[in-house]
Amino acid sequence: MTIKYQDKGFATRAVRAGHQRTNEQEHAEPIFPTSSYVFDSAEQAAARFSGDESGNIYSRFTNPTVRNFEQRLASLEGAESAVATSSGMSAILSTFMGLLSAGDHIVSSRSIFGTTRILFDKYLTKFGVETDYVALTDLDGWQKAIKPNTKALFLETPSNPLNEVADLTALSVLAKAHDCLLIVDNCFCTPALQQPLALGADIVVHSATKYLDGQGRCVGGAVVGDSQLVGEEVYGFLRTAGPSMSPFNAWTFLKGLETLELRMKAHSVAALKLALWLEQQPHINKVFYAGLENHPQHELAKQQQSAFGGIVAFEIQGGQQAAWKLINATQWLSITANLGDTKTTITHPATTTHSRLSAEERVESDITDGLLRISVGLENVEDIQADLQRGLDLL
C-alpha cells in the first residue's frame, strides 16, 4: 500500500515521506548501491530509455535511495520536485546551466558564499552569462540592477556569514514583475525554519552537506522547485552532465532529515544564548545574529522564519592577528570552515570561506579581517562560552 504524507505534519514527513517499502518489508530505508538495472525485456528497456515507461535506468539519474531523499526534501519544502546533486555547488551550477542561456543576466546579492561568486565571475562568464551584484537588503538596488536580459535573482537568506535577511515577499513581487526567477539558497535555515517557496521564490537550493545532514558526514546538494523547471530542466542537465548524488550519501541525508526539526530548534536556542553572551564581552565590536533585537532585519526574520538558526558571527578588535589568536586559543571547538554540524565550528571567513575574493570584494561584502563565524553545535552553551573565553582573555 502506498501512503501519501502530503497532509501530515513536518516532523512526520521528515521521518516517513518518500519511502516505498520493497518486497523485503524493510523498516528503515534501503540503500541501492547499484550502477544499473535489469529490464524484463528488450521492449521494456527501449520504453524506459524513450520515456514511455517510468522506472530505473542508470544510477547517474535514477536511483531509489536518491529518489527517496528527493521526494522527502520536496515534501518538506512544499515543492513538486527535487533533484539531488553531488554537492551544494553542483546544485547551484546545475540550476543555472539547466535554466540559462548565453546572453542571459543574473542579479545576485553580494552577500553570498565566496565560491558561488567565483562560479559566477570566472566560469558562467565563459558561457556568456553575466552577473551584477547588489546589497542583499537594498530593494531599490535590486530594481535598478535588473536588465531586459535578466533571467534570475539569486540570494542567500540569512546571508553567510553576516546573517543579513532579505525580504523574500518583496523580491518575489519584483522578480515576477520582470519575468525573472527568484532563486534562494536556504542552507542556513533549511525548511524546518524557513520555506522560501511559500514566500514566492521559484527555486530553492541546498548544500545538504550542512544542516540537512547535520553531522558532517557527507557532501551533497539539492535543487527544489516545480515539476517543469526543476523536474525537467535541471534534472535534464543532471542526467546529461552527471553531478549526481551517491546512494550512500542520499541514505545518510535521509537519516539527517529525520531529526532536522529538532536539531534546528536546538541550534537556534543555543545560538541566541551565545550571541547575547558575546554582546556583553569586551573587545567585540559587533555581533551579527538575526535573533538579536538590535539586528536591522530582526522583525523581518521573525516574520519569515520560525527561529533564527545556528550561525553567529562577530567582529573583534585587532583584525586578523586578534582573530587568529582567539581561534588558536580554543581547546576543543572545531577549527573548520564547514557548518551545520552537531559539533561547534569556528572559522575566519576572510582567510577561508571568502579568501578567493579580492580584497575589494571582501570590503563590498563586509568581510573584515576581524570577523569570526561560529556554527553553534549541540554541546552545552556554557562549555562553548568557556572555550571562547580563553581567546577573549588574550585580547
Foldseek 3Di string as FASTA:
>chain_A
DDDDCLVPDLLCLLQDPQADDDPVRDPAHDFDQDFADDDPDPVRLVCPVVVVDPDTGGQLQDDSLLRSLFRSQQSLLVAATKAKFQALVVQVVLLPVLPDAAQAEEEEELQAFQVNVCCQPPPVVVRRYHYDYDHQAPLVRVLVPDDLRYAEYEYEALGPAQRDGHQLLSVLVSCVVSNHAYEYEDAQARSLWFRSVVSRHAKYKYFCCAQLLAANDHTMMMMGHYCPSCVPRSSVSSVVVRRHHHSVVSSSSSVSSSCRNVFFVLLQVLQVVLQVVVVPAPQWPDKRWLCDPPHPCVVVSVVGTVGGGNKIKTFGPDFQVLQVLLVVQFDDQADDPGARYLGKYKYQCCVPRNVPPDPVSCVVNVSTRRMMMIRRHNDPSVVVVVRSVRSSVVD
